[in-house]
Amino acid sequence: MRRDEGRELFLRLAERADAVVENFRAGWLAKQARARGDPGAQPACVVASLSGFGQTGPSAGRASYDIVAQATGA
């Protein structure tokens, strides 16, 4: 997604998708795709965004991995 080729490939696939599931930091996918289009622009496409710290709130932009979840959940 950081390179033009990857972003273009993702958006081409998303054009024909019924659903897109992503697990980046909150807002990351929208920021990366904004230059070329929105993966949720298709009316019938469902976009599910998952993140370790939620979509809003003070920690929403933090990255979360298994070890981070274990450390913060202890």
N, C-alpha and C. Protein backbone atom coordinates (compact mmCIF):
# COMPACT_ATOMS: atom_id res chain seq x y z
N MET A 1 0.80 -1.20 0.00
CA MET A 1 0.00 0.00 0.00
C MET A 1 0.85 1.27 0.00
N ARG A 2 2.08 1.19 0.43
CA ARG A 2 2.92 2.38 0.43
C ARG A 2 3.47 2.70 -0.95
N ARG A 3 3.54 1.70 -1.79
CA ARG A 3 4.03 1.93 -3.16
C ARG A 3 2.83 2.03 -4.09
N ASP A 4 2.97 2.80 -5.14
CA ASP A 4 1.87 3.00 -6.09
C ASP A 4 1.36 1.68 -6.66
N GLU A 5 2.27 0.76 -6.96
CA GLU A 5 1.87 -0.52 -7.56
C GLU A 5 0.97 -1.32 -6.61
N GLY A 6 1.34 -1.36 -5.35
CA GLY A 6 0.55 -2.10 -4.37
C GLY A 6 -0.80 -1.47 -4.14
N ARG A 7 -0.82 -0.14 -4.06
CA ARG A 7 -2.07 0.58 -3.85
C ARG A 7 -3.01 0.38 -5.03
N GLU A 8 -2.48 0.48 -6.24
CA GLU A 8 -3.30 0.27 -7.44
C GLU A 8 -3.87 -1.14 -7.49
N LEU A 9 -3.06 -2.13 -7.16
CA LEU A 9 -3.53 -3.52 -7.14
C LEU A 9 -4.64 -3.70 -6.13
N PHE A 10 -4.45 -3.18 -4.92
CA PHE A 10 -5.48 -3.28 -3.90
C PHE A 10 -6.79 -2.65 -4.35
N LEU A 11 -6.71 -1.44 -4.90
CA LEU A 11 -7.93 -0.75 -5.32
C LEU A 11 -8.63 -1.45 -6.48
N ARG A 12 -7.84 -2.05 -7.39
CA ARG A 12 -8.47 -2.83 -8.48
C ARG A 12 -9.22 -4.03 -7.93
N LEU A 13 -8.63 -4.71 -6.95
CA LEU A 13 -9.30 -5.86 -6.33
C LEU A 13 -10.54 -5.41 -5.56
N ALA A 14 -10.43 -4.28 -4.86
CA ALA A 14 -11.56 -3.78 -4.06
C ALA A 14 -12.73 -3.35 -4.94
N GLU A 15 -12.47 -2.94 -6.18
CA GLU A 15 -13.55 -2.53 -7.08
C GLU A 15 -14.53 -3.67 -7.34
N ARG A 16 -14.04 -4.90 -7.31
CA ARG A 16 -14.89 -6.05 -7.60
C ARG A 16 -15.28 -6.83 -6.34
N ALA A 17 -14.87 -6.35 -5.19
CA ALA A 17 -15.09 -7.09 -3.95
C ALA A 17 -16.46 -6.79 -3.34
N ASP A 18 -17.01 -7.78 -2.66
CA ASP A 18 -18.23 -7.59 -1.89
C ASP A 18 -17.89 -7.07 -0.50
N ALA A 19 -16.68 -7.41 -0.02
CA ALA A 19 -16.26 -6.98 1.31
C ALA A 19 -14.75 -6.80 1.35
N VAL A 20 -14.31 -5.85 2.16
CA VAL A 20 -12.89 -5.61 2.41
C VAL A 20 -12.73 -5.64 3.93
N VAL A 21 -11.82 -6.48 4.42
CA VAL A 21 -11.52 -6.54 5.84
C VAL A 21 -10.07 -6.10 6.02
N GLU A 22 -9.85 -5.11 6.87
CA GLU A 22 -8.49 -4.62 7.08
C GLU A 22 -8.20 -4.52 8.57
N ASN A 23 -6.91 -4.65 8.90
CA ASN A 23 -6.48 -4.66 10.29
C ASN A 23 -5.28 -3.74 10.47
N PHE A 24 -5.39 -2.51 9.97
CA PHE A 24 -4.35 -1.51 10.13
C PHE A 24 -4.71 -0.58 11.29
N ARG A 25 -3.80 0.32 11.63
CA ARG A 25 -4.14 1.34 12.63
C ARG A 25 -5.33 2.14 12.12
N ALA A 26 -6.12 2.66 13.05
CA ALA A 26 -7.32 3.43 12.69
C ALA A 26 -6.95 4.54 11.71
N GLY A 27 -7.63 4.61 10.59
CA GLY A 27 -7.42 5.66 9.60
C GLY A 27 -6.29 5.41 8.62
N TRP A 28 -5.48 4.39 8.83
CA TRP A 28 -4.32 4.15 7.98
C TRP A 28 -4.72 3.80 6.55
N LEU A 29 -5.67 2.89 6.39
CA LEU A 29 -6.09 2.49 5.05
C LEU A 29 -6.68 3.66 4.28
N ALA A 30 -7.52 4.44 4.92
CA ALA A 30 -8.12 5.61 4.25
C ALA A 30 -7.03 6.59 3.82
N LYS A 31 -6.04 6.79 4.65
CA LYS A 31 -4.95 7.71 4.32
C LYS A 31 -4.15 7.19 3.12
N GLN A 32 -3.86 5.91 3.07
CA GLN A 32 -3.08 5.34 1.97
C GLN A 32 -3.87 5.33 0.67
N ALA A 33 -5.14 5.03 0.73
CA ALA A 33 -5.94 4.90 -0.48
C ALA A 33 -6.47 6.24 -0.99
N ARG A 34 -6.45 7.26 -0.17
CA ARG A 34 -7.05 8.55 -0.51
C ARG A 34 -6.54 9.12 -1.83
N ALA A 35 -5.28 8.91 -2.12
CA ALA A 35 -4.69 9.48 -3.33
C ALA A 35 -5.29 8.88 -4.60
N ARG A 36 -5.78 7.66 -4.54
CA ARG A 36 -6.25 6.98 -5.75
C ARG A 36 -7.72 6.57 -5.71
N GLY A 37 -8.35 6.64 -4.56
CA GLY A 37 -9.75 6.22 -4.48
C GLY A 37 -10.05 5.57 -3.14
N ASP A 38 -11.30 5.33 -2.90
CA ASP A 38 -11.76 4.79 -1.63
C ASP A 38 -12.22 3.35 -1.84
N PRO A 39 -11.68 2.38 -1.06
CA PRO A 39 -12.11 0.99 -1.24
C PRO A 39 -13.58 0.78 -0.91
N GLY A 40 -14.17 1.67 -0.15
CA GLY A 40 -15.57 1.54 0.19
C GLY A 40 -16.49 2.35 -0.71
N ALA A 41 -15.96 2.85 -1.83
CA ALA A 41 -16.76 3.71 -2.71
C ALA A 41 -17.86 2.94 -3.43
N GLN A 42 -17.68 1.65 -3.62
CA GLN A 42 -18.71 0.84 -4.24
C GLN A 42 -19.87 0.73 -3.25
N PRO A 43 -21.10 1.08 -3.65
CA PRO A 43 -22.23 1.05 -2.71
C PRO A 43 -22.47 -0.32 -2.08
N ALA A 44 -22.17 -1.39 -2.80
CA ALA A 44 -22.44 -2.72 -2.28
C ALA A 44 -21.27 -3.31 -1.50
N CYS A 45 -20.16 -2.60 -1.41
CA CYS A 45 -18.97 -3.10 -0.74
C CYS A 45 -19.01 -2.78 0.75
N VAL A 46 -18.85 -3.82 1.57
CA VAL A 46 -18.80 -3.65 3.02
C VAL A 46 -17.33 -3.57 3.42
N VAL A 47 -16.97 -2.56 4.19
CA VAL A 47 -15.60 -2.40 4.68
C VAL A 47 -15.61 -2.59 6.19
N ALA A 48 -14.87 -3.61 6.65
CA ALA A 48 -14.74 -3.88 8.08
C ALA A 48 -13.34 -3.47 8.50
N SER A 49 -13.26 -2.54 9.43
CA SER A 49 -11.96 -2.06 9.91
C SER A 49 -11.76 -2.51 11.35
N LEU A 50 -10.72 -3.29 11.55
CA LEU A 50 -10.38 -3.79 12.88
C LEU A 50 -9.11 -3.12 13.34
N SER A 51 -9.01 -2.85 14.62
CA SER A 51 -7.76 -2.31 15.14
C SER A 51 -7.64 -2.68 16.61
N GLY A 52 -6.43 -2.77 17.08
CA GLY A 52 -6.18 -3.19 18.44
C GLY A 52 -6.68 -2.23 19.49
N PHE A 53 -6.76 -0.94 19.16
CA PHE A 53 -7.17 0.06 20.15
C PHE A 53 -8.43 0.81 19.74
N GLY A 54 -9.19 0.27 18.79
CA GLY A 54 -10.44 0.90 18.38
C GLY A 54 -10.24 1.95 17.30
N GLN A 55 -11.35 2.49 16.82
CA GLN A 55 -11.33 3.47 15.74
C GLN A 55 -11.28 4.91 16.25
N THR A 56 -11.62 5.12 17.51
CA THR A 56 -11.60 6.46 18.09
C THR A 56 -10.94 6.38 19.47
N GLY A 57 -10.64 7.51 20.01
CA GLY A 57 -10.06 7.55 21.35
C GLY A 57 -8.59 7.87 21.34
N PRO A 58 -8.00 8.04 22.51
CA PRO A 58 -6.62 8.50 22.59
C PRO A 58 -5.59 7.52 22.04
N SER A 59 -5.87 6.26 21.99
CA SER A 59 -4.91 5.26 21.50
C SER A 59 -5.25 4.72 20.12
N ALA A 60 -6.24 5.29 19.45
CA ALA A 60 -6.72 4.76 18.17
C ALA A 60 -5.63 4.64 17.12
N GLY A 61 -4.68 5.56 17.08
CA GLY A 61 -3.64 5.54 16.06
C GLY A 61 -2.47 4.63 16.37
N ARG A 62 -2.48 4.01 17.54
CA ARG A 62 -1.37 3.14 17.92
C ARG A 62 -1.46 1.80 17.20
N ALA A 63 -0.32 1.27 16.83
CA ALA A 63 -0.27 -0.07 16.23
C ALA A 63 -0.40 -1.10 17.34
N SER A 64 -1.02 -2.22 17.03
CA SER A 64 -1.16 -3.27 18.03
C SER A 64 -0.80 -4.61 17.40
N TYR A 65 0.00 -5.34 18.11
CA TYR A 65 0.40 -6.68 17.70
C TYR A 65 0.12 -7.60 18.89
N ASP A 66 0.29 -8.88 18.72
CA ASP A 66 0.01 -9.82 19.80
C ASP A 66 0.74 -9.46 21.08
N ILE A 67 2.01 -9.16 20.98
CA ILE A 67 2.80 -8.86 22.17
C ILE A 67 2.30 -7.58 22.85
N VAL A 68 1.85 -6.60 22.06
CA VAL A 68 1.32 -5.35 22.62
C VAL A 68 0.02 -5.64 23.35
N ALA A 69 -0.85 -6.43 22.74
CA ALA A 69 -2.12 -6.79 23.40
C ALA A 69 -1.87 -7.53 24.70
N GLN A 70 -0.91 -8.43 24.72
CA GLN A 70 -0.60 -9.16 25.94
C GLN A 70 -0.08 -8.22 27.01
N ALA A 71 0.79 -7.30 26.63
CA ALA A 71 1.38 -6.38 27.60
C ALA A 71 0.35 -5.40 28.17
N THR A 72 -0.54 -4.89 27.34
CA THR A 72 -1.51 -3.91 27.82
C THR A 72 -2.69 -4.56 28.52
N GLY A 73 -2.90 -5.83 28.26
CA GLY A 73 -4.03 -6.54 28.88
C GLY A 73 -3.67 -7.19 30.20
N ALA A 74 -2.40 -7.14 30.58
CA ALA A 74 -1.98 -7.83 31.81
C ALA A 74 -2.33 -7.05 33.04
